Amino acid sequence: MSLAAHTVIYILVLEMFFWDKPAGLRAFGLPQELATATKVLGANQGLYNGFLAAGLLWGLWLGVEGFGVKVFFLLCIWVAGLYGAATAARKILYVQTVPATVGLVLLFLSRAG
């Protein structure tokens, strides 16, 4: 499975199940009170990440014919990472955008060879 898929699955788990737990509080830098009040919002974000992971897994399952599917979902992750880095936390650039970029580069390199 790709690094980008692993990343969005990890984020899904943090957002959906650990948002207001110690691991989620550390990952997102939230105080307990805010995390408790926004738990449903975190789960919603996690669900979106689950759809991104499902799209990447679908593309992998399709193999060579899934090239366009993989590009689309990697670009979705890439754009979401840029937006998150610009609006929420700079570290999102490294946690989300970099793996998507690596995935896109490797995907295009595999197609060229």
PDB file of N, CA and C in Angstrom:
ATOM      1  N   MET A   1       0.854  -1.172   0.000  1.00  0.00           N
ATOM      2  CA  MET A   1       0.000   0.000   0.000  1.00  0.00           C
ATOM      3  C   MET A   1       0.898   1.232   0.000  1.00  0.00           C
ATOM      4  N   SER A   2       0.449   2.308  -0.614  1.00  0.00           N
ATOM      5  CA  SER A   2       1.265   3.505  -0.773  1.00  0.00           C
ATOM      6  C   SER A   2       1.401   4.284   0.534  1.00  0.00           C
ATOM      7  N   LEU A   3       2.455   5.081   0.599  1.00  0.00           N
ATOM      8  CA  LEU A   3       2.695   5.951   1.744  1.00  0.00           C
ATOM      9  C   LEU A   3       1.525   6.907   1.944  1.00  0.00           C
ATOM     10  N   ALA A   4       0.997   7.451   0.857  1.00  0.00           N
ATOM     11  CA  ALA A   4      -0.131   8.385   0.960  1.00  0.00           C
ATOM     12  C   ALA A   4      -1.365   7.678   1.530  1.00  0.00           C
ATOM     13  N   ALA A   5      -1.615   6.442   1.118  1.00  0.00           N
ATOM     14  CA  ALA A   5      -2.759   5.696   1.645  1.00  0.00           C
ATOM     15  C   ALA A   5      -2.577   5.429   3.136  1.00  0.00           C
ATOM     16  N   HIS A   6      -1.365   5.034   3.526  1.00  0.00           N
ATOM     17  CA  HIS A   6      -1.093   4.826   4.945  1.00  0.00           C
ATOM     18  C   HIS A   6      -1.332   6.109   5.737  1.00  0.00           C
ATOM     19  N   THR A   7      -0.902   7.224   5.182  1.00  0.00           N
ATOM     20  CA  THR A   7      -1.037   8.515   5.866  1.00  0.00           C
ATOM     21  C   THR A   7      -2.497   8.863   6.097  1.00  0.00           C
ATOM     22  N   VAL A   8      -3.332   8.757   5.068  1.00  0.00           N
ATOM     23  CA  VAL A   8      -4.738   9.149   5.250  1.00  0.00           C
ATOM     24  C   VAL A   8      -5.485   8.162   6.139  1.00  0.00           C
ATOM     25  N   ILE A   9      -5.086   6.893   6.123  1.00  0.00           N
ATOM     26  CA  ILE A   9      -5.715   5.924   7.041  1.00  0.00           C
ATOM     27  C   ILE A   9      -5.329   6.256   8.484  1.00  0.00           C
ATOM     28  N   TYR A  10      -4.065   6.599   8.699  1.00  0.00           N
ATOM     29  CA  TYR A  10      -3.610   6.992  10.036  1.00  0.00           C
ATOM     30  C   TYR A  10      -4.371   8.226  10.522  1.00  0.00           C
ATOM     31  N   ILE A  11      -4.526   9.208   9.641  1.00  0.00           N
ATOM     32  CA  ILE A  11      -5.252  10.424  10.014  1.00  0.00           C
ATOM     33  C   ILE A  11      -6.720  10.101  10.276  1.00  0.00           C
ATOM     34  N   LEU A  12      -7.311   9.222   9.456  1.00  0.00           N
ATOM     35  CA  LEU A  12      -8.698   8.795   9.685  1.00  0.00           C
ATOM     36  C   LEU A  12      -8.860   8.246  11.095  1.00  0.00           C
ATOM     37  N   VAL A  13      -7.976   7.342  11.494  1.00  0.00           N
ATOM     38  CA  VAL A  13      -8.064   6.721  12.824  1.00  0.00           C
ATOM     39  C   VAL A  13      -7.915   7.779  13.916  1.00  0.00           C
ATOM     40  N   LEU A  14      -6.939   8.659  13.777  1.00  0.00           N
ATOM     41  CA  LEU A  14      -6.759   9.721  14.776  1.00  0.00           C
ATOM     42  C   LEU A  14      -8.004  10.597  14.878  1.00  0.00           C
ATOM     43  N   GLU A  15      -8.534  11.033  13.738  1.00  0.00           N
ATOM     44  CA  GLU A  15      -9.660  11.960  13.758  1.00  0.00           C
ATOM     45  C   GLU A  15     -10.965  11.298  14.187  1.00  0.00           C
ATOM     46  N   MET A  16     -11.209  10.081  13.754  1.00  0.00           N
ATOM     47  CA  MET A  16     -12.487   9.444  14.065  1.00  0.00           C
ATOM     48  C   MET A  16     -12.535   8.817  15.457  1.00  0.00           C
ATOM     49  N   PHE A  17     -11.413   8.273  15.915  1.00  0.00           N
ATOM     50  CA  PHE A  17     -11.454   7.485  17.145  1.00  0.00           C
ATOM     51  C   PHE A  17     -10.615   8.039  18.295  1.00  0.00           C
ATOM     52  N   PHE A  18      -9.635   8.904  18.000  1.00  0.00           N
ATOM     53  CA  PHE A  18      -8.743   9.392  19.048  1.00  0.00           C
ATOM     54  C   PHE A  18      -8.700  10.915  19.153  1.00  0.00           C
ATOM     55  N   TRP A  19      -9.649  11.600  18.528  1.00  0.00           N
ATOM     56  CA  TRP A  19      -9.687  13.065  18.502  1.00  0.00           C
ATOM     57  C   TRP A  19      -9.537  13.663  19.899  1.00  0.00           C
ATOM     58  N   ASP A  20     -10.296  13.120  20.876  1.00  0.00           N
ATOM     59  CA  ASP A  20     -10.281  13.669  22.232  1.00  0.00           C
ATOM     60  C   ASP A  20      -9.514  12.800  23.220  1.00  0.00           C
ATOM     61  N   LYS A  21      -8.700  11.885  22.677  1.00  0.00           N
ATOM     62  CA  LYS A  21      -7.842  11.016  23.496  1.00  0.00           C
ATOM     63  C   LYS A  21      -6.414  11.564  23.452  1.00  0.00           C
ATOM     64  N   PRO A  22      -5.541  11.102  24.352  1.00  0.00           N
ATOM     65  CA  PRO A  22      -4.173  11.644  24.396  1.00  0.00           C
ATOM     66  C   PRO A  22      -3.448  11.656  23.043  1.00  0.00           C
ATOM     67  N   ALA A  23      -3.567  10.596  22.256  1.00  0.00           N
ATOM     68  CA  ALA A  23      -2.873  10.555  20.956  1.00  0.00           C
ATOM     69  C   ALA A  23      -3.396  11.645  20.021  1.00  0.00           C
ATOM     70  N   GLY A  24      -4.705  11.837  19.979  1.00  0.00           N
ATOM     71  CA  GLY A  24      -5.295  12.872  19.138  1.00  0.00           C
ATOM     72  C   GLY A  24      -4.980  14.264  19.643  1.00  0.00           C
ATOM     73  N   LEU A  25      -5.010  14.439  20.963  1.00  0.00           N
ATOM     74  CA  LEU A  25      -4.688  15.751  21.531  1.00  0.00           C
ATOM     75  C   LEU A  25      -3.266  16.154  21.175  1.00  0.00           C
ATOM     76  N   ARG A  26      -2.324  15.202  21.257  1.00  0.00           N
ATOM     77  CA  ARG A  26      -0.934  15.484  20.887  1.00  0.00           C
ATOM     78  C   ARG A  26      -0.810  15.767  19.395  1.00  0.00           C
ATOM     79  N   ALA A  27      -1.442  14.920  18.574  1.00  0.00           N
ATOM     80  CA  ALA A  27      -1.308  15.057  17.118  1.00  0.00           C
ATOM     81  C   ALA A  27      -1.861  16.383  16.615  1.00  0.00           C
ATOM     82  N   PHE A  28      -2.973  16.820  17.174  1.00  0.00           N
ATOM     83  CA  PHE A  28      -3.637  18.020  16.663  1.00  0.00           C
ATOM     84  C   PHE A  28      -3.423  19.251  17.538  1.00  0.00           C
ATOM     85  N   GLY A  29      -2.732  19.075  18.668  1.00  0.00           N
ATOM     86  CA  GLY A  29      -2.417  20.205  19.537  1.00  0.00           C
ATOM     87  C   GLY A  29      -3.642  20.886  20.124  1.00  0.00           C
ATOM     88  N   LEU A  30      -4.659  20.099  20.432  1.00  0.00           N
ATOM     89  CA  LEU A  30      -5.895  20.667  20.971  1.00  0.00           C
ATOM     90  C   LEU A  30      -5.961  20.495  22.484  1.00  0.00           C
ATOM     91  N   PRO A  31      -6.513  21.495  23.187  1.00  0.00           N
ATOM     92  CA  PRO A  31      -6.795  21.276  24.607  1.00  0.00           C
ATOM     93  C   PRO A  31      -8.004  20.341  24.739  1.00  0.00           C
ATOM     94  N   GLN A  32      -8.081  19.626  25.835  1.00  0.00           N
ATOM     95  CA  GLN A  32      -9.147  18.638  26.046  1.00  0.00           C
ATOM     96  C   GLN A  32     -10.537  19.236  25.852  1.00  0.00           C
ATOM     97  N   GLU A  33     -10.770  20.424  26.374  1.00  0.00           N
ATOM     98  CA  GLU A  33     -12.107  21.031  26.292  1.00  0.00           C
ATOM     99  C   GLU A  33     -12.532  21.258  24.835  1.00  0.00           C
ATOM    100  N   LEU A  34     -11.612  21.772  24.042  1.00  0.00           N
ATOM    101  CA  LEU A  34     -11.910  22.019  22.629  1.00  0.00           C
ATOM    102  C   LEU A  34     -12.102  20.708  21.873  1.00  0.00           C
ATOM    103  N   ALA A  35     -11.262  19.731  22.160  1.00  0.00           N
ATOM    104  CA  ALA A  35     -11.388  18.426  21.495  1.00  0.00           C
ATOM    105  C   ALA A  35     -12.726  17.772  21.820  1.00  0.00           C
ATOM    106  N   THR A  36     -13.138  17.859  23.066  1.00  0.00           N
ATOM    107  CA  THR A  36     -14.430  17.283  23.459  1.00  0.00           C
ATOM    108  C   THR A  36     -15.570  17.997  22.736  1.00  0.00           C
ATOM    109  N   ALA A  37     -15.479  19.312  22.650  1.00  0.00           N
ATOM    110  CA  ALA A  37     -16.543  20.099  22.006  1.00  0.00           C
ATOM    111  C   ALA A  37     -16.585  19.901  20.490  1.00  0.00           C
ATOM    112  N   THR A  38     -15.465  19.516  19.893  1.00  0.00           N
ATOM    113  CA  THR A  38     -15.401  19.395  18.427  1.00  0.00           C
ATOM    114  C   THR A  38     -15.224  17.951  17.956  1.00  0.00           C
ATOM    115  N   LYS A  39     -15.504  17.005  18.814  1.00  0.00           N
ATOM    116  CA  LYS A  39     -15.304  15.585  18.490  1.00  0.00           C
ATOM    117  C   LYS A  39     -16.045  15.169  17.218  1.00  0.00           C
ATOM    118  N   VAL A  40     -17.263  15.632  17.027  1.00  0.00           N
ATOM    119  CA  VAL A  40     -18.043  15.272  15.839  1.00  0.00           C
ATOM    120  C   VAL A  40     -17.394  15.855  14.581  1.00  0.00           C
ATOM    121  N   LEU A  41     -16.851  17.055  14.681  1.00  0.00           N
ATOM    122  CA  LEU A  41     -16.162  17.650  13.536  1.00  0.00           C
ATOM    123  C   LEU A  41     -14.923  16.840  13.165  1.00  0.00           C
ATOM    124  N   GLY A  42     -14.186  16.377  14.178  1.00  0.00           N
ATOM    125  CA  GLY A  42     -13.017  15.542  13.921  1.00  0.00           C
ATOM    126  C   GLY A  42     -13.406  14.244  13.226  1.00  0.00           C
ATOM    127  N   ALA A  43     -14.487  13.634  13.672  1.00  0.00           N
ATOM    128  CA  ALA A  43     -14.946  12.390  13.043  1.00  0.00           C
ATOM    129  C   ALA A  43     -15.346  12.633  11.588  1.00  0.00           C
ATOM    130  N   ASN A  44     -15.966  13.775  11.315  1.00  0.00           N
ATOM    131  CA  ASN A  44     -16.343  14.121   9.952  1.00  0.00           C
ATOM    132  C   ASN A  44     -15.096  14.250   9.077  1.00  0.00           C
ATOM    133  N   GLN A  45     -14.068  14.930   9.578  1.00  0.00           N
ATOM    134  CA  GLN A  45     -12.808  15.048   8.842  1.00  0.00           C
ATOM    135  C   GLN A  45     -12.199  13.670   8.600  1.00  0.00           C
ATOM    136  N   GLY A  46     -12.275  12.812   9.598  1.00  0.00           N
ATOM    137  CA  GLY A  46     -11.742  11.459   9.459  1.00  0.00           C
ATOM    138  C   GLY A  46     -12.459  10.681   8.372  1.00  0.00           C
ATOM    139  N   LEU A  47     -13.760  10.871   8.281  1.00  0.00           N
ATOM    140  CA  LEU A  47     -14.524  10.191   7.239  1.00  0.00           C
ATOM    141  C   LEU A  47     -14.060  10.623   5.855  1.00  0.00           C
ATOM    142  N   TYR A  48     -13.795  11.904   5.674  1.00  0.00           N
ATOM    143  CA  TYR A  48     -13.267  12.393   4.393  1.00  0.00           C
ATOM    144  C   TYR A  48     -11.930  11.720   4.073  1.00  0.00           C
ATOM    145  N   ASN A  49     -11.074  11.603   5.067  1.00  0.00           N
ATOM    146  CA  ASN A  49      -9.800  10.928   4.852  1.00  0.00           C
ATOM    147  C   ASN A  49     -10.007   9.456   4.506  1.00  0.00           C
ATOM    148  N   GLY A  50     -11.045   8.854   5.062  1.00  0.00           N
ATOM    149  CA  GLY A  50     -11.366   7.473   4.710  1.00  0.00           C
ATOM    150  C   GLY A  50     -11.747   7.331   3.244  1.00  0.00           C
ATOM    151  N   PHE A  51     -12.489   8.310   2.730  1.00  0.00           N
ATOM    152  CA  PHE A  51     -12.839   8.277   1.305  1.00  0.00           C
ATOM    153  C   PHE A  51     -11.609   8.446   0.425  1.00  0.00           C
ATOM    154  N   LEU A  52     -10.673   9.296   0.850  1.00  0.00           N
ATOM    155  CA  LEU A  52      -9.427   9.445   0.097  1.00  0.00           C
ATOM    156  C   LEU A  52      -8.644   8.130   0.093  1.00  0.00           C
ATOM    157  N   ALA A  53      -8.560   7.483   1.234  1.00  0.00           N
ATOM    158  CA  ALA A  53      -7.865   6.190   1.310  1.00  0.00           C
ATOM    159  C   ALA A  53      -8.558   5.153   0.438  1.00  0.00           C
ATOM    160  N   ALA A  54      -9.896   5.133   0.478  1.00  0.00           N
ATOM    161  CA  ALA A  54     -10.643   4.176  -0.344  1.00  0.00           C
ATOM    162  C   ALA A  54     -10.370   4.411  -1.828  1.00  0.00           C
ATOM    163  N   GLY A  55     -10.284   5.673  -2.233  1.00  0.00           N
ATOM    164  CA  GLY A  55      -9.986   5.987  -3.631  1.00  0.00           C
ATOM    165  C   GLY A  55      -8.605   5.496  -4.035  1.00  0.00           C
ATOM    166  N   LEU A  56      -7.622   5.692  -3.165  1.00  0.00           N
ATOM    167  CA  LEU A  56      -6.273   5.197  -3.471  1.00  0.00           C
ATOM    168  C   LEU A  56      -6.239   3.675  -3.536  1.00  0.00           C
ATOM    169  N   LEU A  57      -6.909   3.036  -2.604  1.00  0.00           N
ATOM    170  CA  LEU A  57      -6.951   1.567  -2.619  1.00  0.00           C
ATOM    171  C   LEU A  57      -7.665   1.052  -3.865  1.00  0.00           C
ATOM    172  N   TRP A  58      -8.706   1.731  -4.274  1.00  0.00           N
ATOM    173  CA  TRP A  58      -9.412   1.376  -5.509  1.00  0.00           C
ATOM    174  C   TRP A  58      -8.454   1.477  -6.690  1.00  0.00           C
ATOM    175  N   GLY A  59      -7.725   2.578  -6.768  1.00  0.00           N
ATOM    176  CA  GLY A  59      -6.752   2.755  -7.846  1.00  0.00           C
ATOM    177  C   GLY A  59      -5.690   1.670  -7.843  1.00  0.00           C
ATOM    178  N   LEU A  60      -5.215   1.297  -6.658  1.00  0.00           N
ATOM    179  CA  LEU A  60      -4.231   0.216  -6.565  1.00  0.00           C
ATOM    180  C   LEU A  60      -4.834  -1.108  -7.020  1.00  0.00           C
ATOM    181  N   TRP A  61      -6.077  -1.344  -6.636  1.00  0.00           N
ATOM    182  CA  TRP A  61      -6.758  -2.575  -7.024  1.00  0.00           C
ATOM    183  C   TRP A  61      -6.929  -2.657  -8.539  1.00  0.00           C
ATOM    184  N   LEU A  62      -7.158  -1.513  -9.180  1.00  0.00           N
ATOM    185  CA  LEU A  62      -7.325  -1.487 -10.634  1.00  0.00           C
ATOM    186  C   LEU A  62      -6.011  -1.719 -11.374  1.00  0.00           C
ATOM    187  N   GLY A  63      -4.901  -1.572 -10.686  1.00  0.00           N
ATOM    188  CA  GLY A  63      -3.593  -1.780 -11.308  1.00  0.00           C
ATOM    189  C   GLY A  63      -3.277  -0.691 -12.318  1.00  0.00           C
ATOM    190  N   VAL A  64      -2.745  -1.098 -13.471  1.00  0.00           N
ATOM    191  CA  VAL A  64      -2.337  -0.141 -14.506  1.00  0.00           C
ATOM    192  C   VAL A  64      -3.528   0.697 -14.972  1.00  0.00           C
ATOM    193  N   GLU A  65      -4.689   0.080 -15.082  1.00  0.00           N
ATOM    194  CA  GLU A  65      -5.881   0.819 -15.532  1.00  0.00           C
ATOM    195  C   GLU A  65      -6.331   1.856 -14.517  1.00  0.00           C
ATOM    196  N   GLY A  66      -5.833   1.792 -13.290  1.00  0.00           N
ATOM    197  CA  GLY A  66      -6.219   2.736 -12.250  1.00  0.00           C
ATOM    198  C   GLY A  66      -5.340   3.968 -12.173  1.00  0.00           C
ATOM    199  N   PHE A  67      -4.506   4.201 -13.184  1.00  0.00           N
ATOM    200  CA  PHE A  67      -3.591   5.335 -13.164  1.00  0.00           C
ATOM    201  C   PHE A  67      -4.322   6.649 -12.904  1.00  0.00           C
ATOM    202  N   GLY A  68      -5.363   6.920 -13.662  1.00  0.00           N
ATOM    203  CA  GLY A  68      -6.108   8.173 -13.508  1.00  0.00           C
ATOM    204  C   GLY A  68      -6.770   8.290 -12.144  1.00  0.00           C
ATOM    205  N   VAL A  69      -7.273   7.187 -11.631  1.00  0.00           N
ATOM    206  CA  VAL A  69      -7.903   7.175 -10.302  1.00  0.00           C
ATOM    207  C   VAL A  69      -6.859   7.528  -9.244  1.00  0.00           C
ATOM    208  N   LYS A  70      -5.686   6.920  -9.340  1.00  0.00           N
ATOM    209  CA  LYS A  70      -4.618   7.201  -8.377  1.00  0.00           C
ATOM    210  C   LYS A  70      -4.178   8.660  -8.457  1.00  0.00           C
ATOM    211  N   VAL A  71      -4.024   9.176  -9.663  1.00  0.00           N
ATOM    212  CA  VAL A  71      -3.628  10.581  -9.829  1.00  0.00           C
ATOM    213  C   VAL A  71      -4.682  11.490  -9.201  1.00  0.00           C
ATOM    214  N   PHE A  72      -5.949  11.242  -9.482  1.00  0.00           N
ATOM    215  CA  PHE A  72      -7.021  12.075  -8.951  1.00  0.00           C
ATOM    216  C   PHE A  72      -6.997  12.110  -7.423  1.00  0.00           C
ATOM    217  N   PHE A  73      -6.942  10.943  -6.788  1.00  0.00           N
ATOM    218  CA  PHE A  73      -6.994  10.915  -5.329  1.00  0.00           C
ATOM    219  C   PHE A  73      -5.709  11.440  -4.692  1.00  0.00           C
ATOM    220  N   LEU A  74      -4.566  11.207  -5.309  1.00  0.00           N
ATOM    221  CA  LEU A  74      -3.323  11.802  -4.794  1.00  0.00           C
ATOM    222  C   LEU A  74      -3.373  13.324  -4.906  1.00  0.00           C
ATOM    223  N   LEU A  75      -3.934  13.837  -5.999  1.00  0.00           N
ATOM    224  CA  LEU A  75      -4.082  15.289  -6.124  1.00  0.00           C
ATOM    225  C   LEU A  75      -5.064  15.846  -5.095  1.00  0.00           C
ATOM    226  N   CYS A  76      -6.125  15.106  -4.801  1.00  0.00           N
ATOM    227  CA  CYS A  76      -7.060  15.538  -3.751  1.00  0.00           C
ATOM    228  C   CYS A  76      -6.338  15.646  -2.409  1.00  0.00           C
ATOM    229  N   ILE A  77      -5.520  14.647  -2.087  1.00  0.00           N
ATOM    230  CA  ILE A  77      -4.758  14.665  -0.833  1.00  0.00           C
ATOM    231  C   ILE A  77      -3.765  15.823  -0.842  1.00  0.00           C
ATOM    232  N   TRP A  78      -3.130  16.047  -1.985  1.00  0.00           N
ATOM    233  CA  TRP A  78      -2.141  17.106  -2.125  1.00  0.00           C
ATOM    234  C   TRP A  78      -2.783  18.481  -1.886  1.00  0.00           C
ATOM    235  N   VAL A  79      -3.912  18.728  -2.533  1.00  0.00           N
ATOM    236  CA  VAL A  79      -4.606  20.012  -2.378  1.00  0.00           C
ATOM    237  C   VAL A  79      -5.099  20.180  -0.937  1.00  0.00           C
ATOM    238  N   ALA A  80      -5.653  19.123  -0.360  1.00  0.00           N
ATOM    239  CA  ALA A  80      -6.118  19.195   1.031  1.00  0.00           C
ATOM    240  C   ALA A  80      -4.951  19.495   1.970  1.00  0.00           C
ATOM    241  N   GLY A  81      -3.791  18.931   1.686  1.00  0.00           N
ATOM    242  CA  GLY A  81      -2.608  19.208   2.500  1.00  0.00           C
ATOM    243  C   GLY A  81      -2.157  20.650   2.389  1.00  0.00           C
ATOM    244  N   LEU A  82      -2.175  21.189   1.171  1.00  0.00           N
ATOM    245  CA  LEU A  82      -1.817  22.597   0.992  1.00  0.00           C
ATOM    246  C   LEU A  82      -2.787  23.507   1.737  1.00  0.00           C
ATOM    247  N   TYR A  83      -4.067  23.206   1.607  1.00  0.00           N
ATOM    248  CA  TYR A  83      -5.083  24.020   2.277  1.00  0.00           C
ATOM    249  C   TYR A  83      -4.933  23.922   3.796  1.00  0.00           C
ATOM    250  N   GLY A  84      -4.728  22.711   4.288  1.00  0.00           N
ATOM    251  CA  GLY A  84      -4.546  22.524   5.727  1.00  0.00           C
ATOM    252  C   GLY A  84      -3.313  23.243   6.241  1.00  0.00           C
ATOM    253  N   ALA A  85      -2.235  23.200   5.475  1.00  0.00           N
ATOM    254  CA  ALA A  85      -1.011  23.891   5.880  1.00  0.00           C
ATOM    255  C   ALA A  85      -1.207  25.401   5.898  1.00  0.00           C
ATOM    256  N   ALA A  86      -1.989  25.907   4.957  1.00  0.00           N
ATOM    257  CA  ALA A  86      -2.227  27.350   4.874  1.00  0.00           C
ATOM    258  C   ALA A  86      -3.212  27.840   5.928  1.00  0.00           C
ATOM    259  N   THR A  87      -4.146  26.979   6.341  1.00  0.00           N
ATOM    260  CA  THR A  87      -5.218  27.446   7.224  1.00  0.00           C
ATOM    261  C   THR A  87      -5.166  26.888   8.641  1.00  0.00           C
ATOM    262  N   ALA A  88      -4.528  25.740   8.841  1.00  0.00           N
ATOM    263  CA  ALA A  88      -4.569  25.109  10.165  1.00  0.00           C
ATOM    264  C   ALA A  88      -3.185  24.990  10.798  1.00  0.00           C
ATOM    265  N   ALA A  89      -2.306  24.200  10.193  1.00  0.00           N
ATOM    266  CA  ALA A  89      -0.980  23.972  10.783  1.00  0.00           C
ATOM    267  C   ALA A  89       0.025  23.661   9.684  1.00  0.00           C
ATOM    268  N   ARG A  90       1.155  24.293   9.748  1.00  0.00           N
ATOM    269  CA  ARG A  90       2.195  24.111   8.728  1.00  0.00           C
ATOM    270  C   ARG A  90       2.661  22.659   8.621  1.00  0.00           C
ATOM    271  N   LYS A  91       2.612  21.924   9.731  1.00  0.00           N
ATOM    272  CA  LYS A  91       3.101  20.541   9.708  1.00  0.00           C
ATOM    273  C   LYS A  91       2.268  19.659   8.774  1.00  0.00           C
ATOM    274  N   ILE A  92       1.051  20.072   8.457  1.00  0.00           N
ATOM    275  CA  ILE A  92       0.216  19.310   7.527  1.00  0.00           C
ATOM    276  C   ILE A  92       0.893  19.213   6.163  1.00  0.00           C
ATOM    277  N   LEU A  93       1.647  20.237   5.817  1.00  0.00           N
ATOM    278  CA  LEU A  93       2.392  20.216   4.560  1.00  0.00           C
ATOM    279  C   LEU A  93       3.308  18.988   4.509  1.00  0.00           C
ATOM    280  N   TYR A  94       3.963  18.686   5.621  1.00  0.00           N
ATOM    281  CA  TYR A  94       4.912  17.576   5.672  1.00  0.00           C
ATOM    282  C   TYR A  94       4.225  16.233   5.887  1.00  0.00           C
ATOM    283  N   VAL A  95       3.151  16.246   6.638  1.00  0.00           N
ATOM    284  CA  VAL A  95       2.461  15.001   6.966  1.00  0.00           C
ATOM    285  C   VAL A  95       1.565  14.525   5.835  1.00  0.00           C
ATOM    286  N   GLN A  96       0.982  15.443   5.086  1.00  0.00           N
ATOM    287  CA  GLN A  96       0.004  15.068   4.067  1.00  0.00           C
ATOM    288  C   GLN A  96       0.465  15.387   2.649  1.00  0.00           C
ATOM    289  N   THR A  97       0.987  16.571   2.420  1.00  0.00           N
ATOM    290  CA  THR A  97       1.345  16.977   1.058  1.00  0.00           C
ATOM    291  C   THR A  97       2.595  16.269   0.563  1.00  0.00           C
ATOM    292  N   VAL A  98       3.592  16.117   1.413  1.00  0.00           N
ATOM    293  CA  VAL A  98       4.832  15.455   0.981  1.00  0.00           C
ATOM    294  C   VAL A  98       4.574  14.000   0.563  1.00  0.00           C
ATOM    295  N   PRO A  99       3.852  13.173   1.375  1.00  0.00           N
ATOM    296  CA  PRO A  99       3.585  11.808   0.899  1.00  0.00           C
ATOM    297  C   PRO A  99       2.795  11.767  -0.412  1.00  0.00           C
ATOM    298  N   ALA A 100       1.848  12.684  -0.587  1.00  0.00           N
ATOM    299  CA  ALA A 100       1.091  12.726  -1.845  1.00  0.00           C
ATOM    300  C   ALA A 100       2.005  13.100  -3.007  1.00  0.00           C
ATOM    301  N   THR A 101       2.929  14.024  -2.775  1.00  0.00           N
ATOM    302  CA  THR A 101       3.878  14.425  -3.817  1.00  0.00           C
ATOM    303  C   THR A 101       4.783  13.255  -4.198  1.00  0.00           C
ATOM    304  N   VAL A 102       5.290  12.562  -3.186  1.00  0.00           N
ATOM    305  CA  VAL A 102       6.140  11.385  -3.440  1.00  0.00           C
ATOM    306  C   VAL A 102       5.351  10.349  -4.234  1.00  0.00           C
ATOM    307  N   GLY A 103       4.106  10.127  -3.844  1.00  0.00           N
ATOM    308  CA  GLY A 103       3.260   9.179  -4.562  1.00  0.00           C
ATOM    309  C   GLY A 103       3.056   9.562  -6.016  1.00  0.00           C
ATOM    310  N   LEU A 104       2.792  10.843  -6.257  1.00  0.00           N
ATOM    311  CA  LEU A 104       2.605  11.312  -7.638  1.00  0.00           C
ATOM    312  C   LEU A 104       3.879  11.150  -8.462  1.00  0.00           C
ATOM    313  N   VAL A 105       5.010  11.523  -7.887  1.00  0.00           N
ATOM    314  CA  VAL A 105       6.284  11.392  -8.603  1.00  0.00           C
ATOM    315  C   VAL A 105       6.549   9.928  -8.944  1.00  0.00           C
ATOM    316  N   LEU A 106       6.392   9.047  -7.963  1.00  0.00           N
ATOM    317  CA  LEU A 106       6.633   7.617  -8.202  1.00  0.00           C
ATOM    318  C   LEU A 106       5.649   7.043  -9.212  1.00  0.00           C
ATOM    319  N   LEU A 107       4.416   7.492  -9.150  1.00  0.00           N
ATOM    320  CA  LEU A 107       3.410   7.026 -10.085  1.00  0.00           C
ATOM    321  C   LEU A 107       3.781   7.402 -11.520  1.00  0.00           C
ATOM    322  N   PHE A 108       4.174   8.660 -11.716  1.00  0.00           N
ATOM    323  CA  PHE A 108       4.549   9.092 -13.064  1.00  0.00           C
ATOM    324  C   PHE A 108       5.855   8.452 -13.521  1.00  0.00           C
ATOM    325  N   LEU A 109       6.792   8.237 -12.603  1.00  0.00           N
ATOM    326  CA  LEU A 109       8.036   7.556 -12.960  1.00  0.00           C
ATOM    327  C   LEU A 109       7.774   6.102 -13.386  1.00  0.00           C
ATOM    328  N   SER A 110       6.843   5.450 -12.709  1.00  0.00           N
ATOM    329  CA  SER A 110       6.523   4.058 -13.053  1.00  0.00           C
ATOM    330  C   SER A 110       5.865   3.985 -14.422  1.00  0.00           C
ATOM    331  N   ARG A 111       5.145   5.007 -14.782  1.00  0.00           N
ATOM    332  CA  ARG A 111       4.481   5.039 -16.088  1.00  0.00           C
ATOM    333  C   ARG A 111       5.482   5.310 -17.207  1.00  0.00           C
ATOM    334  N   ALA A 112       6.517   6.100 -16.889  1.00  0.00           N
ATOM    335  CA  ALA A 112       7.518   6.458 -17.891  1.00  0.00           C
ATOM    336  C   ALA A 112       8.441   5.273 -18.215  1.00  0.00           C
ATOM    337  N   GLY A 113       8.601   4.398 -17.232  1.00  0.00           N
ATOM    338  CA  GLY A 113       9.552   3.292 -17.440  1.00  0.00           C
ATOM    339  C   GLY A 113       8.902   2.074 -17.856  1.00  0.00           C
TER     340      GLY A 113
END
